[in-house]
Amino acid sequence: MLRSLFAGISGLRAHQTMMDVTGNNIANVNTAGYKASQTVFQDTLSQMIQGAGAPQGNAGGTNPAQVGLGVRVGGIFTNFGQGSAQATGRSTDLMIQGDGFFVVRKDGQDLYTRAGAFNFDSLGQLVSPDGAKVMGWGAVNGAINTNAAAAPLSLPVGTMLPPAATGNVTVGGNLPGDSTSTTPITTSITVYDAQGNPIALKTSFLKTSPTTWDVTMTDGTTTVGPTPLTFNATGTAPTPSSMAFGAINVALSGITNYAGVSTVSALNQDGSAVGSLQAFSISPDGTLVGVFSNGLRQDLGRIAMASFNNPPGLEKVGNTNFRATVNSGVAQLGTAGAGGRGALAGGSLEMSNVDLAQEFTNLIVAQRGFQANSKVITASDEILQDLVNLKR
């Protein structure tokens, strides 16, 4: 039989595979996190008709003469280029800006994906649309240990933030050094005891000399002072720089004694009442931050990110997931935005990186290649028919 007949058949098979790959790319043009594939052809072993000859005497050398035996699919490679962003507005939708993969666990197996369409189930677990659990590290009292083994990440619904007794209060601003008023200047701030009970702590300032003010603090039950607060000639460096109200240290070093307006006020305190989890947000490094009813924020966990030495070596396993292979390298887990891993963007999804213009061009190339190989088979058949007709 003619070699061209089998070469044409191999061409049909190869271009059919190219059509299959191109069709799959086009089918997934709107699949979040999908990575397009590309077909690469290679020629097959060529049959030697005449070997190469070395130059000898007056005769020059001759080149080898070979006839190719067709084409084969050399490989189907995955393009891991960045896909475009699609804003969704959902806080649990995440997009990786750069390299890296989310780690999900399904049926006891760790898989990797670029599709960040996640949500919380009834148990508070962060899961993908097919129920795979997103892996990460949980927080203990706001501390996250990324050196520990990754585990399914969950939002601890019903979490209560225990109360914290106030230990420090900061008072700052300006006391008018040119004031002649005999009315005390008062500022108030809410502090908390060990049970989280709110207490109004009032601090009063009464001018007694050009550089001295009497400071009195009270919570309605206990009163401390009056204590002289003395400034230097420039109206700064008050002495004492702080006062104690029970177990609370009240810092006064930020107060000045300049002529003009009165701006003195209690700036902040470090206590809090008991708080319940009200909302959450996901930061660019994948940290799940809880917002509590007492106004405080605390880290609840962090999403794990994986990177590979050779991402094209990953195996597609469906549901826009990949599996590690012997040629992809071992998954290296870490934090988003570190170690070459991309940062996360909340409220967005990474769309497919399929280029429709390129795919339609590949469709035409595959179709014409298929037609051309069909012509080779037709021409070979005609030649065989002519050979058969020689006997007639």
Foldseek 3Di string as FASTA:
>chain_A
DDLLQQQLVQLLVLLVVLLVLLVVLVVQQFPFQAWHKHWDKDFDDWAWPAPWAPDDDPRHIGHTDTHTRHMHTPDIWTDPDFFDKDFFQDQQFKAFDFDWWWWWADPNDIWTFRGRPWDADPQQWIADPVRTFTWFFFDDQQHTDRVDDIDRDGDPAFDKDAWFFWQEWEKAWEDALPDPDQDWDKAWDWTAHNQQDTFIKMWTWGDDDSFWTFIWIDRPPDIDDRDIWGDDPQFADTPPQWDDDDNHIYGNRRYGHHHDDTDIYTDDIDTWGMWHFDDWHAFQQQWIWTQTPRGDIGTGIGGKIWHWPAVRQWDDDDPRITDDDPVGHDTDIDTAPPPRTGTMDGSMTRTYRRDVVVSVVSNVVSVVSSVVSVVSNVVVVVVVVVVVVVVD
